[in-house]
């Protein structure tokens, strides 16, 4: 395995792994597992706390170009939506159709350069917020299918997962700790769409 595999994980604090005691999040756990299997991976966590699809749309191309070259096996994982669907000053931070459009634009452009995968936003504690996340997750799945990009749903498995829900509930209502991030990594790793 002599190739140079580089993966950028784009998203928000839930991609970053905020509140994980081991500072790995689900992205770090996935890559640590792949490296342990002998895959020559360099991974870049480009999760930013509070970021939305709008912010990711503005920064993804520049940030990935710095890290993913033409001379390597370049891959990109996108996951966002929880911040898009949060209510701020009485309205949703990013309107539903704008979120769809942002993701469509990112996926369409990124597909021309990189191997690409999208992971759904996970659930939070608030029931009304979860309804908005669920609707946006389905819209993101539709957009991924239209563009021809694999989509891995973590929302529904985690919505029923006691470890994840307990950690999110006891934490800040949005972020799990290492157990919940471990569950997210397991779901992605078990998908036939995950590369390793």
N, C-alpha and C. Protein backbone atom coordinates (compact mmCIF):
# COMPACT_ATOMS: atom_id res chain seq x y z
N UNK A 1 0.83 -1.19 0.00
CA UNK A 1 0.00 0.00 0.00
C UNK A 1 0.88 1.25 0.00
N UNK A 2 1.40 1.58 -1.13
CA UNK A 2 2.31 2.71 -1.21
C UNK A 2 1.66 4.03 -1.54
N UNK A 3 0.35 4.01 -1.86
CA UNK A 3 -0.29 5.25 -2.28
C UNK A 3 -0.47 6.22 -1.12
N UNK A 4 -0.65 7.48 -1.46
CA UNK A 4 -0.84 8.55 -0.49
C UNK A 4 -2.32 8.91 -0.47
N UNK A 5 -3.04 8.42 0.54
CA UNK A 5 -4.47 8.67 0.65
C UNK A 5 -4.70 9.83 1.62
N UNK A 6 -5.36 10.87 1.15
CA UNK A 6 -5.65 12.04 1.99
C UNK A 6 -7.15 12.28 2.02
N UNK A 7 -7.66 12.51 3.23
CA UNK A 7 -9.10 12.70 3.40
C UNK A 7 -9.35 13.99 4.19
N UNK A 8 -10.19 14.85 3.65
CA UNK A 8 -10.66 16.02 4.37
C UNK A 8 -12.08 15.75 4.87
N UNK A 9 -12.32 16.00 6.15
CA UNK A 9 -13.65 15.90 6.73
C UNK A 9 -14.16 17.32 6.95
N UNK A 10 -15.17 17.70 6.20
CA UNK A 10 -15.73 19.05 6.25
C UNK A 10 -17.00 19.08 7.08
N UNK A 11 -17.13 20.09 7.93
CA UNK A 11 -18.37 20.19 8.68
C UNK A 11 -18.28 21.14 9.85
N UNK A 12 -19.02 20.77 10.90
CA UNK A 12 -19.19 21.63 12.07
C UNK A 12 -18.54 20.99 13.29
N UNK A 13 -19.02 21.35 14.48
CA UNK A 13 -18.43 20.83 15.72
C UNK A 13 -18.64 19.33 15.87
N UNK A 14 -19.69 18.79 15.26
CA UNK A 14 -19.94 17.37 15.34
C UNK A 14 -19.00 16.57 14.43
N UNK A 15 -18.44 17.22 13.43
CA UNK A 15 -17.35 16.62 12.65
C UNK A 15 -16.03 16.81 13.40
N UNK A 16 -15.87 17.98 13.99
CA UNK A 16 -14.67 18.27 14.76
C UNK A 16 -14.49 17.30 15.92
N UNK A 17 -15.61 16.86 16.52
CA UNK A 17 -15.54 15.97 17.68
C UNK A 17 -15.55 16.72 19.00
N UNK A 18 -16.15 17.88 19.01
CA UNK A 18 -16.24 18.71 20.20
C UNK A 18 -16.86 17.93 21.37
N UNK A 19 -16.25 18.05 22.54
CA UNK A 19 -16.65 17.40 23.79
C UNK A 19 -16.17 15.95 23.91
N UNK A 20 -15.47 15.44 22.92
CA UNK A 20 -14.91 14.08 23.00
C UNK A 20 -13.67 14.11 23.89
N UNK A 21 -13.69 13.32 24.95
CA UNK A 21 -12.56 13.30 25.89
C UNK A 21 -11.26 12.83 25.23
N UNK A 22 -11.38 12.06 24.17
CA UNK A 22 -10.18 11.56 23.48
C UNK A 22 -9.79 12.43 22.29
N UNK A 23 -10.56 13.48 22.04
CA UNK A 23 -10.25 14.45 20.97
C UNK A 23 -10.11 13.78 19.60
N UNK A 24 -10.93 12.75 19.36
CA UNK A 24 -10.89 12.04 18.07
C UNK A 24 -12.15 12.27 17.25
N UNK A 25 -13.29 12.37 17.93
CA UNK A 25 -14.55 12.43 17.19
C UNK A 25 -14.75 11.17 16.37
N UNK A 26 -15.77 11.17 15.52
CA UNK A 26 -16.00 9.99 14.70
C UNK A 26 -15.01 9.92 13.54
N UNK A 27 -14.59 11.06 13.03
CA UNK A 27 -13.65 11.07 11.91
C UNK A 27 -12.29 10.50 12.34
N UNK A 28 -11.81 10.93 13.49
CA UNK A 28 -10.53 10.43 13.98
C UNK A 28 -10.56 8.94 14.26
N UNK A 29 -11.67 8.46 14.79
CA UNK A 29 -11.79 7.02 15.06
C UNK A 29 -11.80 6.21 13.77
N UNK A 30 -12.52 6.70 12.77
CA UNK A 30 -12.54 5.99 11.48
C UNK A 30 -11.14 5.90 10.88
N UNK A 31 -10.43 7.01 10.90
CA UNK A 31 -9.10 7.02 10.28
C UNK A 31 -8.09 6.23 11.09
N UNK A 32 -8.20 6.27 12.42
CA UNK A 32 -7.31 5.48 13.27
C UNK A 32 -7.50 3.99 12.98
N UNK A 33 -8.74 3.58 12.80
CA UNK A 33 -9.03 2.18 12.47
C UNK A 33 -8.45 1.79 11.12
N UNK A 34 -8.60 2.67 10.13
CA UNK A 34 -8.07 2.38 8.79
C UNK A 34 -6.54 2.32 8.80
N UNK A 35 -5.93 3.23 9.55
CA UNK A 35 -4.46 3.23 9.64
C UNK A 35 -3.97 1.96 10.32
N UNK A 36 -4.70 1.51 11.34
CA UNK A 36 -4.33 0.27 12.03
C UNK A 36 -4.41 -0.94 11.09
N UNK A 37 -5.26 -0.83 10.06
CA UNK A 37 -5.37 -1.90 9.06
C UNK A 37 -4.29 -1.80 7.98
N UNK A 38 -3.49 -0.74 8.04
CA UNK A 38 -2.38 -0.60 7.10
C UNK A 38 -2.61 0.38 5.97
N UNK A 39 -3.72 1.09 5.99
CA UNK A 39 -3.97 2.06 4.92
C UNK A 39 -3.18 3.34 5.20
N UNK A 40 -2.47 3.87 4.18
CA UNK A 40 -1.62 5.05 4.37
C UNK A 40 -2.42 6.35 4.29
N UNK A 41 -3.11 6.65 5.36
CA UNK A 41 -4.03 7.79 5.37
C UNK A 41 -3.43 8.99 6.10
N UNK A 42 -3.60 10.14 5.48
CA UNK A 42 -3.43 11.42 6.16
C UNK A 42 -4.81 12.04 6.21
N UNK A 43 -5.27 12.36 7.43
CA UNK A 43 -6.61 12.94 7.48
C UNK A 43 -6.58 14.33 8.08
N UNK A 44 -7.47 15.16 7.56
CA UNK A 44 -7.58 16.55 7.98
C UNK A 44 -9.00 16.79 8.48
N UNK A 45 -9.12 17.18 9.74
CA UNK A 45 -10.43 17.48 10.29
C UNK A 45 -10.68 18.98 10.09
N UNK A 46 -11.62 19.29 9.22
CA UNK A 46 -11.95 20.68 8.89
C UNK A 46 -13.32 21.07 9.46
N UNK A 47 -13.64 20.48 10.62
CA UNK A 47 -14.87 20.86 11.31
C UNK A 47 -14.67 22.14 12.09
N UNK A 48 -15.62 23.06 11.97
CA UNK A 48 -15.57 24.34 12.68
C UNK A 48 -16.83 24.49 13.52
N UNK A 49 -16.65 24.77 14.79
CA UNK A 49 -17.80 24.92 15.69
C UNK A 49 -18.73 26.04 15.19
N UNK A 50 -20.01 25.72 15.15
CA UNK A 50 -21.01 26.70 14.76
C UNK A 50 -21.18 26.89 13.27
N UNK A 51 -20.39 26.18 12.46
CA UNK A 51 -20.45 26.40 11.02
C UNK A 51 -21.72 25.81 10.42
N UNK A 52 -22.17 26.42 9.34
CA UNK A 52 -23.34 25.98 8.59
C UNK A 52 -22.93 25.60 7.17
N UNK A 53 -23.88 25.11 6.42
CA UNK A 53 -23.60 24.78 5.01
C UNK A 53 -23.16 26.03 4.25
N UNK A 54 -23.66 27.19 4.68
CA UNK A 54 -23.28 28.44 4.02
C UNK A 54 -21.79 28.72 4.23
N UNK A 55 -21.33 28.57 5.46
CA UNK A 55 -19.92 28.76 5.74
C UNK A 55 -19.03 27.75 5.05
N UNK A 56 -19.48 26.51 5.05
CA UNK A 56 -18.70 25.45 4.39
C UNK A 56 -18.60 25.71 2.90
N UNK A 57 -19.69 26.17 2.31
CA UNK A 57 -19.67 26.48 0.87
C UNK A 57 -18.63 27.54 0.55
N UNK A 58 -18.45 28.49 1.46
CA UNK A 58 -17.50 29.58 1.22
C UNK A 58 -16.04 29.12 1.35
N UNK A 59 -15.78 28.11 2.17
CA UNK A 59 -14.39 27.79 2.49
C UNK A 59 -13.87 26.46 1.96
N UNK A 60 -14.76 25.55 1.57
CA UNK A 60 -14.33 24.18 1.32
C UNK A 60 -13.27 24.08 0.23
N UNK A 61 -13.47 24.78 -0.86
CA UNK A 61 -12.58 24.60 -2.02
C UNK A 61 -11.16 25.04 -1.70
N UNK A 62 -11.04 26.20 -1.07
CA UNK A 62 -9.72 26.71 -0.71
C UNK A 62 -9.03 25.79 0.29
N UNK A 63 -9.76 25.39 1.34
CA UNK A 63 -9.16 24.55 2.38
C UNK A 63 -8.74 23.18 1.84
N UNK A 64 -9.56 22.60 1.00
CA UNK A 64 -9.22 21.29 0.45
C UNK A 64 -8.06 21.38 -0.54
N UNK A 65 -8.02 22.44 -1.33
CA UNK A 65 -6.93 22.60 -2.30
C UNK A 65 -5.57 22.67 -1.61
N UNK A 66 -5.53 23.21 -0.39
CA UNK A 66 -4.27 23.28 0.35
C UNK A 66 -3.78 21.92 0.80
N UNK A 67 -4.70 20.96 0.92
CA UNK A 67 -4.38 19.67 1.53
C UNK A 67 -4.45 18.48 0.59
N UNK A 68 -5.23 18.61 -0.47
CA UNK A 68 -5.45 17.50 -1.39
C UNK A 68 -4.84 17.83 -2.75
N UNK A 69 -3.81 17.12 -3.12
CA UNK A 69 -3.12 17.41 -4.37
C UNK A 69 -3.47 16.47 -5.49
N UNK A 70 -3.06 16.82 -6.70
CA UNK A 70 -3.32 15.98 -7.87
C UNK A 70 -2.48 14.71 -7.85
N UNK A 71 -1.42 14.71 -7.05
CA UNK A 71 -0.51 13.57 -7.02
C UNK A 71 -0.84 12.58 -5.91
N UNK A 72 -2.02 12.71 -5.29
CA UNK A 72 -2.40 11.76 -4.24
C UNK A 72 -3.84 11.30 -4.45
N UNK A 73 -4.24 10.30 -3.70
CA UNK A 73 -5.60 9.77 -3.71
C UNK A 73 -6.43 10.68 -2.79
N UNK A 74 -7.13 11.64 -3.38
CA UNK A 74 -7.80 12.70 -2.62
C UNK A 74 -9.27 12.38 -2.40
N UNK A 75 -9.69 12.47 -1.13
CA UNK A 75 -11.07 12.15 -0.77
C UNK A 75 -11.65 13.21 0.15
N UNK A 76 -12.97 13.30 0.15
CA UNK A 76 -13.64 14.32 0.95
C UNK A 76 -14.91 13.75 1.55
N UNK A 77 -15.12 14.03 2.83
CA UNK A 77 -16.35 13.64 3.53
C UNK A 77 -17.02 14.92 4.02
N UNK A 78 -18.30 15.08 3.68
CA UNK A 78 -19.07 16.26 4.08
C UNK A 78 -20.16 15.83 5.06
N UNK A 79 -20.30 16.58 6.15
CA UNK A 79 -21.39 16.34 7.10
C UNK A 79 -21.75 17.66 7.76
N UNK A 80 -23.00 18.06 7.66
CA UNK A 80 -23.46 19.32 8.26
C UNK A 80 -24.97 19.27 8.41
N UNK A 81 -25.53 20.34 8.99
CA UNK A 81 -26.99 20.45 9.04
C UNK A 81 -27.57 20.80 10.40
N UNK A 82 -26.89 20.39 11.49
CA UNK A 82 -27.44 20.69 12.81
C UNK A 82 -27.47 22.20 13.04
N UNK A 83 -26.42 22.90 12.68
CA UNK A 83 -26.41 24.36 12.85
C UNK A 83 -27.34 25.05 11.86
N UNK A 84 -27.45 24.51 10.66
CA UNK A 84 -28.39 25.08 9.69
C UNK A 84 -29.80 25.14 10.26
N UNK A 85 -30.18 24.09 10.98
CA UNK A 85 -31.56 23.95 11.45
C UNK A 85 -31.78 24.53 12.84
N UNK A 86 -30.75 25.08 13.46
CA UNK A 86 -30.90 25.72 14.77
C UNK A 86 -31.67 27.04 14.62
N UNK A 87 -32.41 27.39 15.65
CA UNK A 87 -33.17 28.64 15.66
C UNK A 87 -32.32 29.73 16.34
N UNK A 88 -32.16 30.83 15.64
CA UNK A 88 -31.41 31.96 16.18
C UNK A 88 -32.19 33.24 15.89
N UNK A 89 -32.41 34.04 16.91
CA UNK A 89 -33.18 35.28 16.77
C UNK A 89 -34.55 35.04 16.13
N UNK A 90 -35.15 33.91 16.50
CA UNK A 90 -36.52 33.62 16.06
C UNK A 90 -36.67 32.95 14.71
N UNK A 91 -35.56 32.69 14.01
CA UNK A 91 -35.68 32.03 12.71
C UNK A 91 -34.56 31.01 12.52
N UNK A 92 -34.79 30.10 11.60
CA UNK A 92 -33.79 29.06 11.30
C UNK A 92 -32.54 29.71 10.73
N UNK A 93 -31.37 29.28 11.19
CA UNK A 93 -30.14 29.95 10.80
C UNK A 93 -29.93 29.96 9.29
N UNK A 94 -30.21 28.83 8.63
CA UNK A 94 -30.14 28.77 7.17
C UNK A 94 -31.47 28.24 6.67
N UNK A 95 -32.17 28.97 5.83
CA UNK A 95 -33.44 28.47 5.30
C UNK A 95 -33.27 27.11 4.62
N UNK A 96 -34.30 26.29 4.74
CA UNK A 96 -34.26 24.91 4.26
C UNK A 96 -33.75 24.81 2.82
N UNK A 97 -34.35 25.57 1.92
CA UNK A 97 -33.96 25.47 0.50
C UNK A 97 -32.54 25.98 0.26
N UNK A 98 -32.10 26.94 1.07
CA UNK A 98 -30.71 27.40 0.95
C UNK A 98 -29.74 26.30 1.36
N UNK A 99 -30.08 25.57 2.42
CA UNK A 99 -29.23 24.45 2.84
C UNK A 99 -29.11 23.41 1.73
N UNK A 100 -30.23 23.08 1.14
CA UNK A 100 -30.22 22.11 0.02
C UNK A 100 -29.34 22.61 -1.12
N UNK A 101 -29.52 23.87 -1.47
CA UNK A 101 -28.76 24.46 -2.57
C UNK A 101 -27.27 24.49 -2.26
N UNK A 102 -26.92 24.83 -1.02
CA UNK A 102 -25.51 24.87 -0.63
C UNK A 102 -24.86 23.50 -0.77
N UNK A 103 -25.53 22.49 -0.26
CA UNK A 103 -24.99 21.13 -0.32
C UNK A 103 -24.91 20.65 -1.76
N UNK A 104 -25.94 20.95 -2.55
CA UNK A 104 -25.91 20.57 -3.97
C UNK A 104 -24.70 21.17 -4.68
N UNK A 105 -24.45 22.45 -4.40
CA UNK A 105 -23.32 23.13 -5.04
C UNK A 105 -21.98 22.53 -4.60
N UNK A 106 -21.83 22.28 -3.31
CA UNK A 106 -20.58 21.69 -2.81
C UNK A 106 -20.36 20.31 -3.44
N UNK A 107 -21.38 19.47 -3.39
CA UNK A 107 -21.24 18.11 -3.92
C UNK A 107 -20.95 18.10 -5.42
N UNK A 108 -21.66 18.93 -6.16
CA UNK A 108 -21.49 18.97 -7.61
C UNK A 108 -20.07 19.39 -7.98
N UNK A 109 -19.56 20.41 -7.30
CA UNK A 109 -18.21 20.88 -7.61
C UNK A 109 -17.13 19.93 -7.10
N UNK A 110 -17.32 19.43 -5.88
CA UNK A 110 -16.31 18.55 -5.29
C UNK A 110 -16.19 17.22 -6.04
N UNK A 111 -17.30 16.76 -6.61
CA UNK A 111 -17.29 15.49 -7.32
C UNK A 111 -16.36 15.52 -8.53
N UNK A 112 -16.13 16.69 -9.06
CA UNK A 112 -15.26 16.82 -10.24
C UNK A 112 -13.79 16.59 -9.89
N UNK A 113 -13.45 16.71 -8.60
CA UNK A 113 -12.04 16.62 -8.19
C UNK A 113 -11.72 15.45 -7.28
N UNK A 114 -12.68 15.06 -6.42
CA UNK A 114 -12.37 14.15 -5.34
C UNK A 114 -13.34 12.98 -5.27
N UNK A 115 -12.87 11.87 -4.66
CA UNK A 115 -13.80 10.84 -4.21
C UNK A 115 -14.59 11.45 -3.06
N UNK A 116 -15.87 11.21 -3.03
CA UNK A 116 -16.74 11.99 -2.17
C UNK A 116 -17.75 11.12 -1.44
N UNK A 117 -18.06 11.53 -0.22
CA UNK A 117 -19.02 10.83 0.61
C UNK A 117 -19.71 11.86 1.49
N UNK A 118 -21.02 11.68 1.72
CA UNK A 118 -21.73 12.57 2.64
C UNK A 118 -22.31 11.76 3.78
N UNK A 119 -22.21 12.31 4.99
CA UNK A 119 -22.75 11.70 6.19
C UNK A 119 -23.81 12.63 6.76
N UNK A 120 -24.95 12.08 7.14
CA UNK A 120 -26.05 12.90 7.63
C UNK A 120 -25.71 13.59 8.94
N UNK A 121 -26.44 14.66 9.26
CA UNK A 121 -26.31 15.25 10.60
C UNK A 121 -26.91 14.29 11.63
N UNK A 122 -26.34 14.26 12.84
CA UNK A 122 -26.89 13.42 13.90
C UNK A 122 -28.01 14.11 14.66
N UNK A 123 -28.76 13.36 15.48
CA UNK A 123 -29.83 13.98 16.28
C UNK A 123 -29.29 14.73 17.49
N UNK A 124 -30.14 15.60 18.02
CA UNK A 124 -29.84 16.33 19.25
C UNK A 124 -30.92 15.95 20.27
N UNK A 125 -31.00 16.67 21.39
CA UNK A 125 -31.99 16.35 22.41
C UNK A 125 -33.35 16.96 22.10
N UNK A 126 -33.36 18.17 21.58
CA UNK A 126 -34.61 18.92 21.37
C UNK A 126 -35.46 18.27 20.28
N UNK A 127 -36.71 17.98 20.62
CA UNK A 127 -37.60 17.25 19.69
C UNK A 127 -37.93 18.06 18.44
N UNK A 128 -38.25 19.32 18.60
CA UNK A 128 -38.58 20.15 17.44
C UNK A 128 -37.37 20.33 16.53
N UNK A 129 -36.21 20.49 17.14
CA UNK A 129 -34.97 20.61 16.35
C UNK A 129 -34.72 19.31 15.58
N UNK A 130 -34.98 18.18 16.21
CA UNK A 130 -34.79 16.90 15.53
C UNK A 130 -35.70 16.74 14.31
N UNK A 131 -36.90 17.28 14.40
CA UNK A 131 -37.80 17.21 13.24
C UNK A 131 -37.21 17.99 12.06
N UNK A 132 -36.61 19.12 12.34
CA UNK A 132 -35.98 19.90 11.28
C UNK A 132 -34.73 19.19 10.75
N UNK A 133 -33.95 18.60 11.64
CA UNK A 133 -32.76 17.86 11.21
C UNK A 133 -33.17 16.68 10.34
N UNK A 134 -34.20 15.96 10.76
CA UNK A 134 -34.67 14.79 10.01
C UNK A 134 -35.10 15.18 8.60
N UNK A 135 -35.84 16.26 8.48
CA UNK A 135 -36.29 16.72 7.16
C UNK A 135 -35.10 17.13 6.29
N UNK A 136 -34.14 17.82 6.88
CA UNK A 136 -32.97 18.25 6.11
C UNK A 136 -32.10 17.07 5.74
N UNK A 137 -31.99 16.10 6.64
CA UNK A 137 -31.22 14.89 6.34
C UNK A 137 -31.78 14.17 5.13
N UNK A 138 -33.11 14.07 5.06
CA UNK A 138 -33.73 13.44 3.90
C UNK A 138 -33.48 14.24 2.63
N UNK A 139 -33.53 15.56 2.75
CA UNK A 139 -33.23 16.41 1.59
C UNK A 139 -31.79 16.24 1.14
N UNK A 140 -30.86 16.13 2.09
CA UNK A 140 -29.46 15.91 1.75
C UNK A 140 -29.26 14.54 1.09
N UNK A 141 -30.00 13.55 1.56
CA UNK A 141 -29.94 12.22 0.93
C UNK A 141 -30.41 12.30 -0.52
N UNK A 142 -31.48 13.05 -0.76
CA UNK A 142 -31.99 13.23 -2.12
C UNK A 142 -30.97 13.95 -3.00
N UNK A 143 -30.36 15.00 -2.46
CA UNK A 143 -29.36 15.74 -3.23
C UNK A 143 -28.16 14.85 -3.55
N UNK A 144 -27.74 14.06 -2.59
CA UNK A 144 -26.61 13.16 -2.81
C UNK A 144 -26.93 12.16 -3.92
N UNK A 145 -28.14 11.63 -3.90
CA UNK A 145 -28.54 10.66 -4.93
C UNK A 145 -28.57 11.32 -6.31
N UNK A 146 -29.08 12.54 -6.37
CA UNK A 146 -29.15 13.24 -7.65
C UNK A 146 -27.77 13.50 -8.23
N UNK A 147 -26.81 13.81 -7.35
CA UNK A 147 -25.45 14.08 -7.80
C UNK A 147 -24.66 12.79 -8.03
N UNK A 148 -25.16 11.69 -7.47
CA UNK A 148 -24.48 10.41 -7.60
C UNK A 148 -23.40 10.21 -6.55
N UNK A 149 -23.67 10.69 -5.33
CA UNK A 149 -22.73 10.62 -4.21
C UNK A 149 -23.28 9.67 -3.16
N UNK A 150 -22.46 8.77 -2.62
CA UNK A 150 -22.93 7.91 -1.51
C UNK A 150 -23.31 8.74 -0.29
N UNK A 151 -24.37 8.32 0.40
CA UNK A 151 -24.87 9.02 1.57
C UNK A 151 -25.04 8.02 2.70
N UNK A 152 -24.49 8.34 3.86
CA UNK A 152 -24.61 7.47 5.03
C UNK A 152 -25.47 8.17 6.07
N UNK A 153 -26.58 7.53 6.43
CA UNK A 153 -27.48 8.10 7.43
C UNK A 153 -27.05 7.66 8.83
N UNK A 154 -26.72 8.63 9.67
CA UNK A 154 -26.47 8.33 11.09
C UNK A 154 -27.61 8.82 11.97
N UNK A 155 -28.49 9.64 11.40
CA UNK A 155 -29.56 10.23 12.20
C UNK A 155 -30.46 9.17 12.82
N UNK A 156 -31.03 8.30 12.00
CA UNK A 156 -31.99 7.34 12.51
C UNK A 156 -31.37 6.30 13.44
N UNK A 157 -30.20 5.73 13.11
CA UNK A 157 -29.58 4.80 14.07
C UNK A 157 -29.27 5.46 15.41
N UNK A 158 -28.76 6.69 15.39
CA UNK A 158 -28.41 7.37 16.63
C UNK A 158 -29.64 7.84 17.40
N UNK A 159 -30.72 8.11 16.68
CA UNK A 159 -31.97 8.53 17.31
C UNK A 159 -32.51 7.45 18.24
N UNK A 160 -32.13 6.19 17.96
CA UNK A 160 -32.58 5.06 18.77
C UNK A 160 -31.48 4.53 19.69
N UNK A 161 -30.31 5.15 19.66
CA UNK A 161 -29.17 4.63 20.40
C UNK A 161 -29.10 5.23 21.81
N UNK A 162 -29.20 4.39 22.83
CA UNK A 162 -29.26 4.86 24.21
C UNK A 162 -27.97 5.53 24.65
N UNK A 163 -26.83 4.99 24.22
CA UNK A 163 -25.54 5.56 24.62
C UNK A 163 -25.41 6.98 24.09
N UNK A 164 -25.67 7.14 22.81
CA UNK A 164 -25.56 8.46 22.19
C UNK A 164 -26.53 9.45 22.84
N UNK A 165 -27.79 9.06 22.97
CA UNK A 165 -28.80 9.97 23.51
C UNK A 165 -28.51 10.33 24.96
N UNK A 166 -28.03 9.37 25.74
CA UNK A 166 -27.71 9.66 27.14
C UNK A 166 -26.57 10.67 27.23
N UNK A 167 -25.54 10.47 26.42
CA UNK A 167 -24.40 11.38 26.46
C UNK A 167 -24.78 12.79 26.01
N UNK A 168 -25.54 12.88 24.94
CA UNK A 168 -25.97 14.19 24.45
C UNK A 168 -26.83 14.89 25.50
N UNK A 169 -27.73 14.14 26.11
CA UNK A 169 -28.63 14.69 27.12
C UNK A 169 -27.87 15.18 28.35
N UNK A 170 -26.89 14.43 28.80
CA UNK A 170 -26.12 14.81 29.99
C UNK A 170 -25.06 15.85 29.69
N UNK A 171 -24.77 16.05 28.42
CA UNK A 171 -23.73 17.00 28.03
C UNK A 171 -24.38 18.37 27.78
N UNK A 172 -24.42 18.82 26.54
CA UNK A 172 -24.96 20.16 26.26
C UNK A 172 -26.20 20.13 25.37
N UNK A 173 -26.74 18.93 25.13
CA UNK A 173 -27.94 18.81 24.31
C UNK A 173 -27.67 18.59 22.84
N UNK A 174 -26.42 18.73 22.41
CA UNK A 174 -26.08 18.57 20.98
C UNK A 174 -24.90 17.64 20.76
N UNK A 175 -23.91 17.70 21.66
CA UNK A 175 -22.67 16.93 21.46
C UNK A 175 -22.62 15.72 22.39
N UNK A 176 -22.24 14.56 21.86
CA UNK A 176 -21.99 13.41 22.74
C UNK A 176 -20.59 13.51 23.32
N UNK A 177 -20.18 12.46 24.00
CA UNK A 177 -18.79 12.32 24.43
C UNK A 177 -18.22 11.13 23.65
N UNK A 178 -17.19 10.48 24.19
CA UNK A 178 -16.51 9.46 23.39
C UNK A 178 -17.40 8.28 23.01
N UNK A 179 -18.36 7.93 23.88
CA UNK A 179 -19.25 6.81 23.55
C UNK A 179 -20.11 7.10 22.33
N UNK A 180 -20.69 8.30 22.29
CA UNK A 180 -21.53 8.68 21.17
C UNK A 180 -20.75 8.82 19.88
N UNK A 181 -19.57 9.43 19.95
CA UNK A 181 -18.74 9.54 18.74
C UNK A 181 -18.29 8.16 18.27
N UNK A 182 -18.05 7.27 19.23
CA UNK A 182 -17.70 5.89 18.85
C UNK A 182 -18.85 5.22 18.11
N UNK A 183 -20.08 5.47 18.55
CA UNK A 183 -21.25 4.91 17.87
C UNK A 183 -21.36 5.46 16.45
N UNK A 184 -21.12 6.76 16.30
CA UNK A 184 -21.17 7.36 14.96
C UNK A 184 -20.14 6.71 14.04
N UNK A 185 -18.93 6.53 14.57
CA UNK A 185 -17.87 5.90 13.77
C UNK A 185 -18.25 4.48 13.37
N UNK A 186 -18.87 3.74 14.29
CA UNK A 186 -19.29 2.36 14.00
C UNK A 186 -20.31 2.33 12.87
N UNK A 187 -21.25 3.26 12.90
CA UNK A 187 -22.29 3.30 11.85
C UNK A 187 -21.66 3.57 10.49
N UNK A 188 -20.78 4.56 10.43
CA UNK A 188 -20.13 4.88 9.15
C UNK A 188 -19.26 3.72 8.69
N UNK A 189 -18.49 3.16 9.60
CA UNK A 189 -17.59 2.07 9.25
C UNK A 189 -18.35 0.84 8.74
N UNK A 190 -19.53 0.60 9.26
CA UNK A 190 -20.34 -0.56 8.86
C UNK A 190 -21.00 -0.36 7.50
N UNK A 191 -21.03 0.86 7.01
CA UNK A 191 -21.68 1.12 5.73
C UNK A 191 -20.81 0.62 4.58
N UNK A 192 -21.44 0.06 3.55
CA UNK A 192 -20.67 -0.35 2.37
C UNK A 192 -20.07 0.83 1.61
N UNK A 193 -20.52 2.03 1.94
CA UNK A 193 -20.00 3.22 1.26
C UNK A 193 -18.67 3.72 1.84
N UNK A 194 -18.38 3.33 3.10
CA UNK A 194 -17.12 3.75 3.70
C UNK A 194 -15.97 3.01 3.00
N UNK A 195 -14.90 3.70 2.76
CA UNK A 195 -13.84 3.18 1.88
C UNK A 195 -12.98 2.09 2.50
N UNK A 196 -12.88 2.05 3.82
CA UNK A 196 -11.90 1.13 4.43
C UNK A 196 -12.57 0.16 5.39
